[in-house]
Amino acid sequence: MEIRTIYVVANTTKDGAERALAVLKAWCGLKGIKVVPVEGKPPRNLEGEKGLVVALGGDGTVLRAAAAFADSALPILGANLGSLGFLTEVAAPSLSAALEAVLRGESTIEERARLSFASSTGKRGSVLNDLVVGRSASARFCELELLWSDGRVGTYPGDGLILSTATGSTAYNLSAGGPVIVPSAACVVATPLASHELGLRPVVFPSGEALRVRVRTRANLTADGDDVGDLPEGGEVTAELAARPTRLVHLRDAPPFFQVLAEKLNWANGRRPRAAP
């Protein structure tokens, strides 16, 4: 892969961030690669550019980079400054070696579906992980209605509803009892939050579907953990898979998805129970 410019989105509050940035800049200097730090919106007209985005921090930093470059096709390489994440690909001390591997063509690009949304209050955007329509800070309860192309799915009384991508299935969705979905799947899962109806369960919808969440009581909307704003009674949010995915760099020797699950969640590690004495 040819790289002429590296755009860096960094969480400079994390320990080791400044050192990692210095090492990255030194490596780029040796390779003749331009380094562009990005704190807000990235430069425009990135189509066709031989560039790479490095997200230096943790999974939250990768989400921030994915949002900033949502309208571009530039791939993102996540380097963590802490524990192993689901979105970060390498540890920060191994970043230079990882970039060498990318230059040698020892990597692939994984396309991860994004979820675009529009609210009746005029807010629009897209997320890599999830949208959450939940009770407002001043309320103890909210009631929502979920609809799709075949009509009404159901009414959700409780704390709210998570609309998650496959990538986001291991985030808030998982902690709320939703399913783990292989990240390459193009689908949306709707998972109730602390539902007052025990029969309500997560539902997985295919690509091409536009979901509508109608608010019966005042609620709040968050997008990848960021507050979007309140929704009035009778308000709506429409969500569907976005036309442009997020492209993540996957190194050839990086651990596969289910190995990461095993390390982070003690997932299906293959241990057999001890025989009875």
C-alpha atoms as a PDB file:
ATOM      1  CA  MET A   1       0.000   0.000   0.000  1.00  0.00           C
ATOM      2  CA  GLU A   2       1.380   3.397  -0.961  1.00  0.00           C
ATOM      3  CA  ILE A   3       1.139   6.094   1.719  1.00  0.00           C
ATOM      4  CA  ARG A   4       1.951   9.734   1.070  1.00  0.00           C
ATOM      5  CA  THR A   5       0.088  11.333   3.989  1.00  0.00           C
ATOM      6  CA  ILE A   6      -0.832  10.108   7.461  1.00  0.00           C
ATOM      7  CA  TYR A   7      -3.641  11.921   9.259  1.00  0.00           C
ATOM      8  CA  VAL A   8      -3.357  11.483  13.019  1.00  0.00           C
ATOM      9  CA  VAL A   9      -6.293  11.552  15.426  1.00  0.00           C
ATOM     10  CA  ALA A  10      -4.824  11.224  18.925  1.00  0.00           C
ATOM     11  CA  ASN A  11      -6.045  11.164  22.497  1.00  0.00           C
ATOM     12  CA  THR A  12      -3.257  13.269  23.973  1.00  0.00           C
ATOM     13  CA  THR A  13      -4.607  12.830  27.528  1.00  0.00           C
ATOM     14  CA  LYS A  14      -3.477   9.197  27.583  1.00  0.00           C
ATOM     15  CA  ASP A  15      -0.105   8.242  29.026  1.00  0.00           C
ATOM     16  CA  GLY A  16       2.466   7.675  26.318  1.00  0.00           C
ATOM     17  CA  ALA A  17       0.596   9.651  23.661  1.00  0.00           C
ATOM     18  CA  GLU A  18       3.242  12.343  23.208  1.00  0.00           C
ATOM     19  CA  ARG A  19       6.036   9.785  22.925  1.00  0.00           C
ATOM     20  CA  ALA A  20       4.049   7.706  20.422  1.00  0.00           C
ATOM     21  CA  LEU A  21       3.407  10.828  18.334  1.00  0.00           C
ATOM     22  CA  ALA A  22       7.106  11.723  18.365  1.00  0.00           C
ATOM     23  CA  VAL A  23       8.067   8.216  17.243  1.00  0.00           C
ATOM     24  CA  LEU A  24       5.434   8.312  14.495  1.00  0.00           C
ATOM     25  CA  LYS A  25       6.636  11.677  13.204  1.00  0.00           C
ATOM     26  CA  ALA A  26      10.238  10.480  13.192  1.00  0.00           C
ATOM     27  CA  TRP A  27       9.302   7.344  11.255  1.00  0.00           C
ATOM     28  CA  CYS A  28       7.308   9.380   8.733  1.00  0.00           C
ATOM     29  CA  GLY A  29      10.255  11.742   8.316  1.00  0.00           C
ATOM     30  CA  LEU A  30      12.505   8.827   7.383  1.00  0.00           C
ATOM     31  CA  LYS A  31       9.926   7.559   4.867  1.00  0.00           C
ATOM     32  CA  GLY A  32       9.133  10.946   3.345  1.00  0.00           C
ATOM     33  CA  ILE A  33       5.511  10.742   4.500  1.00  0.00           C
ATOM     34  CA  LYS A  34       3.628  13.890   5.466  1.00  0.00           C
ATOM     35  CA  VAL A  35       2.019  13.952   8.927  1.00  0.00           C
ATOM     36  CA  VAL A  36      -1.189  15.949   9.471  1.00  0.00           C
ATOM     37  CA  PRO A  37      -2.625  16.123  13.019  1.00  0.00           C
ATOM     38  CA  VAL A  38      -6.438  16.314  13.013  1.00  0.00           C
ATOM     39  CA  GLU A  39      -8.322  17.698  16.012  1.00  0.00           C
ATOM     40  CA  GLY A  40     -11.646  18.611  14.425  1.00  0.00           C
ATOM     41  CA  LYS A  41     -12.798  18.262  10.855  1.00  0.00           C
ATOM     42  CA  PRO A  42     -10.223  16.862   8.402  1.00  0.00           C
ATOM     43  CA  PRO A  43      -9.135  18.637   5.216  1.00  0.00           C
ATOM     44  CA  ARG A  44     -11.548  18.445   2.297  1.00  0.00           C
ATOM     45  CA  ASN A  45     -11.052  16.875  -1.130  1.00  0.00           C
ATOM     46  CA  LEU A  46      -9.470  13.631   0.082  1.00  0.00           C
ATOM     47  CA  GLU A  47     -10.860  11.514  -2.752  1.00  0.00           C
ATOM     48  CA  GLY A  48      -8.136   9.590  -4.503  1.00  0.00           C
ATOM     49  CA  GLU A  49      -5.472  10.609  -2.002  1.00  0.00           C
ATOM     50  CA  LYS A  50      -2.916   7.973  -1.059  1.00  0.00           C
ATOM     51  CA  GLY A  51      -3.404   8.506   2.635  1.00  0.00           C
ATOM     52  CA  LEU A  52      -3.958   6.681   5.899  1.00  0.00           C
ATOM     53  CA  VAL A  53      -5.598   7.696   9.166  1.00  0.00           C
ATOM     54  CA  VAL A  54      -3.878   6.651  12.406  1.00  0.00           C
ATOM     55  CA  ALA A  55      -6.115   6.709  15.481  1.00  0.00           C
ATOM     56  CA  LEU A  56      -3.847   6.830  18.511  1.00  0.00           C
ATOM     57  CA  GLY A  57      -5.583   6.133  21.821  1.00  0.00           C
ATOM     58  CA  GLY A  58      -8.279   3.520  22.274  1.00  0.00           C
ATOM     59  CA  ASP A  59     -11.557   2.368  20.769  1.00  0.00           C
ATOM     60  CA  GLY A  60     -13.070   5.778  21.529  1.00  0.00           C
ATOM     61  CA  THR A  61     -10.351   7.439  19.475  1.00  0.00           C
ATOM     62  CA  VAL A  62     -11.064   5.086  16.562  1.00  0.00           C
ATOM     63  CA  LEU A  63     -14.749   6.064  16.778  1.00  0.00           C
ATOM     64  CA  ARG A  64     -13.744   9.734  16.724  1.00  0.00           C
ATOM     65  CA  ALA A  65     -11.512   9.186  13.698  1.00  0.00           C
ATOM     66  CA  ALA A  66     -14.231   7.199  11.930  1.00  0.00           C
ATOM     67  CA  ALA A  67     -16.704  10.038  12.485  1.00  0.00           C
ATOM     68  CA  ALA A  68     -14.248  12.693  11.298  1.00  0.00           C
ATOM     69  CA  PHE A  69     -13.434  10.777   8.097  1.00  0.00           C
ATOM     70  CA  ALA A  70     -16.905   9.309   7.517  1.00  0.00           C
ATOM     71  CA  ASP A  71     -17.161  11.023   4.126  1.00  0.00           C
ATOM     72  CA  SER A  72     -13.788   9.798   2.875  1.00  0.00           C
ATOM     73  CA  ALA A  73     -12.524   6.405   1.745  1.00  0.00           C
ATOM     74  CA  LEU A  74      -9.269   6.631   3.719  1.00  0.00           C
ATOM     75  CA  PRO A  75      -8.530   3.513   5.771  1.00  0.00           C
ATOM     76  CA  ILE A  76      -8.005   3.802   9.531  1.00  0.00           C
ATOM     77  CA  LEU A  77      -5.348   2.041  11.596  1.00  0.00           C
ATOM     78  CA  GLY A  78      -6.071   2.019  15.326  1.00  0.00           C
ATOM     79  CA  ALA A  79      -3.146   1.964  17.772  1.00  0.00           C
ATOM     80  CA  ASN A  80      -4.017   1.528  21.442  1.00  0.00           C
ATOM     81  CA  LEU A  81      -2.286   3.192  24.354  1.00  0.00           C
ATOM     82  CA  GLY A  82      -3.899   0.917  26.924  1.00  0.00           C
ATOM     83  CA  SER A  83      -5.537  -2.487  26.992  1.00  0.00           C
ATOM     84  CA  LEU A  84      -6.522  -4.504  23.950  1.00  0.00           C
ATOM     85  CA  GLY A  85      -9.579  -3.064  22.205  1.00  0.00           C
ATOM     86  CA  PHE A  86     -12.058  -4.326  19.656  1.00  0.00           C
ATOM     87  CA  LEU A  87     -11.264  -1.544  17.155  1.00  0.00           C
ATOM     88  CA  THR A  88      -7.582  -0.841  17.759  1.00  0.00           C
ATOM     89  CA  GLU A  89      -5.351  -3.112  15.710  1.00  0.00           C
ATOM     90  CA  VAL A  90      -1.920  -2.759  17.344  1.00  0.00           C
ATOM     91  CA  ALA A  91      -0.274  -1.563  20.546  1.00  0.00           C
ATOM     92  CA  ALA A  92       1.252   1.899  20.184  1.00  0.00           C
ATOM     93  CA  PRO A  93       4.865   0.665  20.700  1.00  0.00           C
ATOM     94  CA  SER A  94       4.376  -1.599  17.653  1.00  0.00           C
ATOM     95  CA  LEU A  95       2.963   1.153  15.431  1.00  0.00           C
ATOM     96  CA  SER A  96       6.103   1.679  13.339  1.00  0.00           C
ATOM     97  CA  ALA A  97       6.383  -2.063  12.654  1.00  0.00           C
ATOM     98  CA  ALA A  98       2.688  -2.163  11.749  1.00  0.00           C
ATOM     99  CA  LEU A  99       3.106   0.708   9.295  1.00  0.00           C
ATOM    100  CA  GLU A 100       6.076  -1.083   7.718  1.00  0.00           C
ATOM    101  CA  ALA A 101       3.809  -4.113   7.244  1.00  0.00           C
ATOM    102  CA  VAL A 102       1.163  -1.911   5.617  1.00  0.00           C
ATOM    103  CA  LEU A 103       3.754  -0.512   3.206  1.00  0.00           C
ATOM    104  CA  ARG A 104       4.805  -4.074   2.332  1.00  0.00           C
ATOM    105  CA  GLY A 105       1.219  -4.997   1.526  1.00  0.00           C
ATOM    106  CA  GLU A 106       0.857  -7.284   4.544  1.00  0.00           C
ATOM    107  CA  SER A 107      -2.590  -6.010   5.446  1.00  0.00           C
ATOM    108  CA  THR A 108      -6.162  -5.966   4.222  1.00  0.00           C
ATOM    109  CA  ILE A 109      -8.987  -3.454   4.460  1.00  0.00           C
ATOM    110  CA  GLU A 110     -12.121  -4.424   6.374  1.00  0.00           C
ATOM    111  CA  GLU A 111     -15.277  -2.520   5.505  1.00  0.00           C
ATOM    112  CA  ARG A 112     -17.486  -1.903   8.519  1.00  0.00           C
ATOM    113  CA  ALA A 113     -21.077  -0.769   7.996  1.00  0.00           C
ATOM    114  CA  ARG A 114     -22.081   2.583   9.466  1.00  0.00           C
ATOM    115  CA  LEU A 115     -25.556   3.562  10.600  1.00  0.00           C
ATOM    116  CA  SER A 116     -26.878   6.888   9.322  1.00  0.00           C
ATOM    117  CA  PHE A 117     -29.656   8.702  11.166  1.00  0.00           C
ATOM    118  CA  ALA A 118     -31.970  11.672  10.915  1.00  0.00           C
ATOM    119  CA  SER A 119     -34.207  12.998  13.674  1.00  0.00           C
ATOM    120  CA  SER A 120     -37.398  15.023  13.512  1.00  0.00           C
ATOM    121  CA  THR A 121     -35.488  17.783  15.344  1.00  0.00           C
ATOM    122  CA  GLY A 122     -33.204  18.214  12.313  1.00  0.00           C
ATOM    123  CA  LYS A 123     -30.130  16.379  13.622  1.00  0.00           C
ATOM    124  CA  ARG A 124     -28.298  14.113  11.155  1.00  0.00           C
ATOM    125  CA  GLY A 125     -25.167  12.011  11.171  1.00  0.00           C
ATOM    126  CA  SER A 126     -23.801   8.500  11.171  1.00  0.00           C
ATOM    127  CA  VAL A 127     -22.231   6.130  13.695  1.00  0.00           C
ATOM    128  CA  LEU A 128     -19.914   3.161  13.621  1.00  0.00           C
ATOM    129  CA  ASN A 129     -21.178   1.592  16.847  1.00  0.00           C
ATOM    130  CA  ASP A 130     -24.670   2.581  17.893  1.00  0.00           C
ATOM    131  CA  LEU A 131     -27.548   4.963  18.360  1.00  0.00           C
ATOM    132  CA  VAL A 132     -29.357   5.001  21.685  1.00  0.00           C
ATOM    133  CA  VAL A 133     -32.833   6.431  22.138  1.00  0.00           C
ATOM    134  CA  GLY A 134     -33.289   6.477  25.900  1.00  0.00           C
ATOM    135  CA  ARG A 135     -34.981   8.212  28.759  1.00  0.00           C
ATOM    136  CA  SER A 136     -33.996  11.815  29.338  1.00  0.00           C
ATOM    137  CA  ALA A 137     -31.921  12.728  32.383  1.00  0.00           C
ATOM    138  CA  SER A 138     -34.948  14.036  34.274  1.00  0.00           C
ATOM    139  CA  ALA A 139     -37.175  11.014  33.558  1.00  0.00           C
ATOM    140  CA  ARG A 140     -37.359   7.573  35.156  1.00  0.00           C
ATOM    141  CA  PHE A 141     -39.029   5.920  32.192  1.00  0.00           C
ATOM    142  CA  CYS A 142     -39.599   6.245  28.467  1.00  0.00           C
ATOM    143  CA  GLU A 143     -41.805   4.516  25.926  1.00  0.00           C
ATOM    144  CA  LEU A 144     -40.818   4.066  22.299  1.00  0.00           C
ATOM    145  CA  GLU A 145     -42.329   2.484  19.218  1.00  0.00           C
ATOM    146  CA  LEU A 146     -40.175   0.716  16.615  1.00  0.00           C
ATOM    147  CA  LEU A 147     -41.347   0.470  12.997  1.00  0.00           C
ATOM    148  CA  TRP A 148     -39.882  -0.953   9.790  1.00  0.00           C
ATOM    149  CA  SER A 149     -41.021  -1.692   6.222  1.00  0.00           C
ATOM    150  CA  ASP A 150     -43.512  -4.385   7.300  1.00  0.00           C
ATOM    151  CA  GLY A 151     -45.079  -2.043   9.822  1.00  0.00           C
ATOM    152  CA  ARG A 152     -44.889  -1.892  13.604  1.00  0.00           C
ATOM    153  CA  VAL A 153     -42.293  -4.070  15.357  1.00  0.00           C
ATOM    154  CA  GLY A 154     -43.440  -3.299  18.874  1.00  0.00           C
ATOM    155  CA  THR A 155     -43.629  -0.878  21.776  1.00  0.00           C
ATOM    156  CA  TYR A 156     -40.632  -0.606  24.092  1.00  0.00           C
ATOM    157  CA  PRO A 157     -41.356   0.613  27.626  1.00  0.00           C
ATOM    158  CA  GLY A 158     -38.321   0.935  29.891  1.00  0.00           C
ATOM    159  CA  ASP A 159     -34.985   2.726  29.659  1.00  0.00           C
ATOM    160  CA  GLY A 160     -34.848   2.869  25.862  1.00  0.00           C
ATOM    161  CA  LEU A 161     -33.607   1.125  22.741  1.00  0.00           C
ATOM    162  CA  ILE A 162     -30.153   0.535  21.202  1.00  0.00           C
ATOM    163  CA  LEU A 163     -29.768   0.429  17.426  1.00  0.00           C
ATOM    164  CA  SER A 164     -26.381  -1.160  16.828  1.00  0.00           C
ATOM    165  CA  THR A 165     -24.221  -2.075  13.860  1.00  0.00           C
ATOM    166  CA  ALA A 166     -22.359  -5.379  13.765  1.00  0.00           C
ATOM    167  CA  THR A 167     -19.226  -3.515  14.859  1.00  0.00           C
ATOM    168  CA  GLY A 168     -21.109  -2.049  17.808  1.00  0.00           C
ATOM    169  CA  SER A 169     -22.552  -5.399  18.854  1.00  0.00           C
ATOM    170  CA  THR A 170     -19.655  -5.893  21.302  1.00  0.00           C
ATOM    171  CA  ALA A 171     -20.210  -2.479  22.908  1.00  0.00           C
ATOM    172  CA  TYR A 172     -23.367  -1.236  24.697  1.00  0.00           C
ATOM    173  CA  ASN A 173     -25.486  -3.788  22.840  1.00  0.00           C
ATOM    174  CA  LEU A 174     -23.561  -6.667  24.441  1.00  0.00           C
ATOM    175  CA  SER A 175     -23.846  -5.285  27.963  1.00  0.00           C
ATOM    176  CA  ALA A 176     -27.616  -4.930  27.436  1.00  0.00           C
ATOM    177  CA  GLY A 177     -27.973  -8.596  26.491  1.00  0.00           C
ATOM    178  CA  GLY A 178     -27.779  -8.241  22.716  1.00  0.00           C
ATOM    179  CA  PRO A 179     -26.071 -10.752  20.410  1.00  0.00           C
ATOM    180  CA  VAL A 180     -22.455 -10.780  19.265  1.00  0.00           C
ATOM    181  CA  ILE A 181     -22.395 -10.240  15.491  1.00  0.00           C
ATOM    182  CA  VAL A 182     -19.413 -10.864  13.232  1.00  0.00           C
ATOM    183  CA  PRO A 183     -18.187  -7.347  12.324  1.00  0.00           C
ATOM    184  CA  SER A 184     -18.390  -7.809   8.549  1.00  0.00           C
ATOM    185  CA  ALA A 185     -22.159  -8.456   8.683  1.00  0.00           C
ATOM    186  CA  ALA A 186     -24.323  -5.729   7.143  1.00  0.00           C
ATOM    187  CA  CYS A 187     -27.212  -5.568   9.586  1.00  0.00           C
ATOM    188  CA  VAL A 188     -28.762  -3.572  12.433  1.00  0.00           C
ATOM    189  CA  VAL A 189     -29.741  -5.029  15.799  1.00  0.00           C
ATOM    190  CA  ALA A 190     -32.410  -3.395  17.965  1.00  0.00           C
ATOM    191  CA  THR A 191     -31.865  -4.212  21.646  1.00  0.00           C
ATOM    192  CA  PRO A 192     -34.208  -3.042  24.422  1.00  0.00           C
ATOM    193  CA  LEU A 193     -32.759  -1.367  27.497  1.00  0.00           C
ATOM    194  CA  ALA A 194     -34.164  -2.562  30.845  1.00  0.00           C
ATOM    195  CA  SER A 195     -37.491  -3.349  29.213  1.00  0.00           C
ATOM    196  CA  HIS A 196     -40.624  -3.522  31.341  1.00  0.00           C
ATOM    197  CA  GLU A 197     -41.892  -6.238  28.982  1.00  0.00           C
ATOM    198  CA  LEU A 198     -40.063  -9.506  29.600  1.00  0.00           C
ATOM    199  CA  GLY A 199     -41.058 -10.888  26.204  1.00  0.00           C
ATOM    200  CA  LEU A 200     -39.140  -8.223  24.280  1.00  0.00           C
ATOM    201  CA  ARG A 201     -35.883  -9.519  22.827  1.00  0.00           C
ATOM    202  CA  PRO A 202     -33.209  -8.164  20.475  1.00  0.00           C
ATOM    203  CA  VAL A 203     -34.137  -8.228  16.780  1.00  0.00           C
ATOM    204  CA  VAL A 204     -31.638  -8.300  13.892  1.00  0.00           C
ATOM    205  CA  PHE A 205     -32.676  -6.480  10.701  1.00  0.00           C
ATOM    206  CA  PRO A 206     -31.078  -6.925   7.256  1.00  0.00           C
ATOM    207  CA  SER A 207     -29.436  -4.212   5.196  1.00  0.00           C
ATOM    208  CA  GLY A 208     -31.727  -2.081   3.068  1.00  0.00           C
ATOM    209  CA  GLU A 209     -34.195  -1.511   5.890  1.00  0.00           C
ATOM    210  CA  ALA A 210     -35.032   1.923   7.280  1.00  0.00           C
ATOM    211  CA  LEU A 211     -35.973   1.702  10.951  1.00  0.00           C
ATOM    212  CA  ARG A 212     -38.082   4.357  12.656  1.00  0.00           C
ATOM    213  CA  VAL A 213     -38.150   4.979  16.373  1.00  0.00           C
ATOM    214  CA  ARG A 214     -41.203   6.986  17.413  1.00  0.00           C
ATOM    215  CA  VAL A 215     -41.033   8.612  20.838  1.00  0.00           C
ATOM    216  CA  ARG A 216     -44.184   8.325  22.949  1.00  0.00           C
ATOM    217  CA  THR A 217     -42.618  10.075  25.932  1.00  0.00           C
ATOM    218  CA  ARG A 218     -39.793  12.602  26.006  1.00  0.00           C
ATOM    219  CA  ALA A 219     -36.455  10.905  25.291  1.00  0.00           C
ATOM    220  CA  ASN A 220     -32.802  11.572  24.534  1.00  0.00           C
ATOM    221  CA  LEU A 221     -30.671  10.585  21.535  1.00  0.00           C
ATOM    222  CA  THR A 222     -26.982   9.669  21.705  1.00  0.00           C
ATOM    223  CA  ALA A 223     -24.712   8.696  18.793  1.00  0.00           C
ATOM    224  CA  ASP A 224     -21.599   6.624  19.560  1.00  0.00           C
ATOM    225  CA  GLY A 225     -21.805   7.884  23.131  1.00  0.00           C
ATOM    226  CA  ASP A 226     -22.111  11.561  22.204  1.00  0.00           C
ATOM    227  CA  ASP A 227     -25.230  13.457  23.205  1.00  0.00           C
ATOM    228  CA  VAL A 228     -27.250  14.558  20.162  1.00  0.00           C
ATOM    229  CA  GLY A 229     -30.131  16.123  22.073  1.00  0.00           C
ATOM    230  CA  ASP A 230     -33.611  15.576  23.458  1.00  0.00           C
ATOM    231  CA  LEU A 231     -36.528  14.279  21.439  1.00  0.00           C
ATOM    232  CA  PRO A 232     -40.002  15.630  22.242  1.00  0.00           C
ATOM    233  CA  GLU A 233     -43.051  13.460  22.656  1.00  0.00           C
ATOM    234  CA  GLY A 234     -44.110  12.408  19.165  1.00  0.00           C
ATOM    235  CA  GLY A 235     -40.625  12.900  17.728  1.00  0.00           C
ATOM    236  CA  GLU A 236     -38.926  10.329  15.507  1.00  0.00           C
ATOM    237  CA  VAL A 237     -35.509   9.031  14.554  1.00  0.00           C
ATOM    238  CA  THR A 238     -34.945   7.221  11.248  1.00  0.00           C
ATOM    239  CA  ALA A 239     -31.891   4.976  10.862  1.00  0.00           C
ATOM    240  CA  GLU A 240     -30.483   2.840   8.059  1.00  0.00           C
ATOM    241  CA  LEU A 241     -27.113   1.525   6.962  1.00  0.00           C
ATOM    242  CA  ALA A 242     -25.052   4.295   5.402  1.00  0.00           C
ATOM    243  CA  ALA A 243     -23.946   4.202   1.777  1.00  0.00           C
ATOM    244  CA  ARG A 244     -20.268   4.597   2.730  1.00  0.00           C
ATOM    245  CA  PRO A 245     -18.651   2.227   5.254  1.00  0.00           C
ATOM    246  CA  THR A 246     -15.735   2.826   7.594  1.00  0.00           C
ATOM    247  CA  ARG A 247     -12.583   1.120   6.293  1.00  0.00           C
ATOM    248  CA  LEU A 248     -10.299  -0.372   8.947  1.00  0.00           C
ATOM    249  CA  VAL A 249      -6.789  -1.712   8.380  1.00  0.00           C
ATOM    250  CA  HIS A 250      -6.362  -5.344   9.429  1.00  0.00           C
ATOM    251  CA  LEU A 251      -2.802  -6.659   9.668  1.00  0.00           C
ATOM    252  CA  ARG A 252      -2.045 -10.121   8.407  1.00  0.00           C
ATOM    253  CA  ASP A 253      -0.672 -11.307  11.763  1.00  0.00           C
ATOM    254  CA  ALA A 254      -3.275  -9.567  13.952  1.00  0.00           C
ATOM    255  CA  PRO A 255      -5.454 -11.789  16.181  1.00  0.00           C
ATOM    256  CA  PRO A 256      -8.773 -12.836  14.593  1.00  0.00           C
ATOM    257  CA  PHE A 257     -12.117 -11.618  15.917  1.00  0.00           C
ATOM    258  CA  PHE A 258     -12.963 -14.617  18.078  1.00  0.00           C
ATOM    259  CA  GLN A 259      -9.490 -14.663  19.625  1.00  0.00           C
ATOM    260  CA  VAL A 260     -10.057 -11.056  20.702  1.00  0.00           C
ATOM    261  CA  LEU A 261     -13.413 -12.130  22.155  1.00  0.00           C
ATOM    262  CA  ALA A 262     -11.691 -14.919  24.072  1.00  0.00           C
ATOM    263  CA  GLU A 263      -9.099 -12.522  25.481  1.00  0.00           C
ATOM    264  CA  LYS A 264     -11.542  -9.772  26.441  1.00  0.00           C
ATOM    265  CA  LEU A 265     -14.646 -11.752  27.375  1.00  0.00           C
ATOM    266  CA  ASN A 266     -13.290 -15.232  28.179  1.00  0.00           C
ATOM    267  CA  TRP A 267     -15.341 -16.302  25.165  1.00  0.00           C
ATOM    268  CA  ALA A 268     -15.558 -20.016  24.297  1.00  0.00           C
ATOM    269  CA  ASN A 269     -11.952 -20.608  25.300  1.00  0.00           C
ATOM    270  CA  GLY A 270     -12.198 -24.356  24.859  1.00  0.00           C
ATOM    271  CA  ARG A 271     -11.386 -25.265  28.446  1.00  0.00           C
ATOM    272  CA  ARG A 272     -12.884 -28.532  29.524  1.00  0.00           C
ATOM    273  CA  PRO A 273     -14.361 -28.933  32.991  1.00  0.00           C
ATOM    274  CA  ARG A 274     -12.261 -30.953  35.398  1.00  0.00           C
ATOM    275  CA  ALA A 275     -13.270 -34.554  35.815  1.00  0.00           C
ATOM    276  CA  ALA A 276     -15.002 -35.368  39.068  1.00  0.00           C
ATOM    277  CA  PRO A 277     -12.654 -36.996  41.639  1.00  0.00           C
END
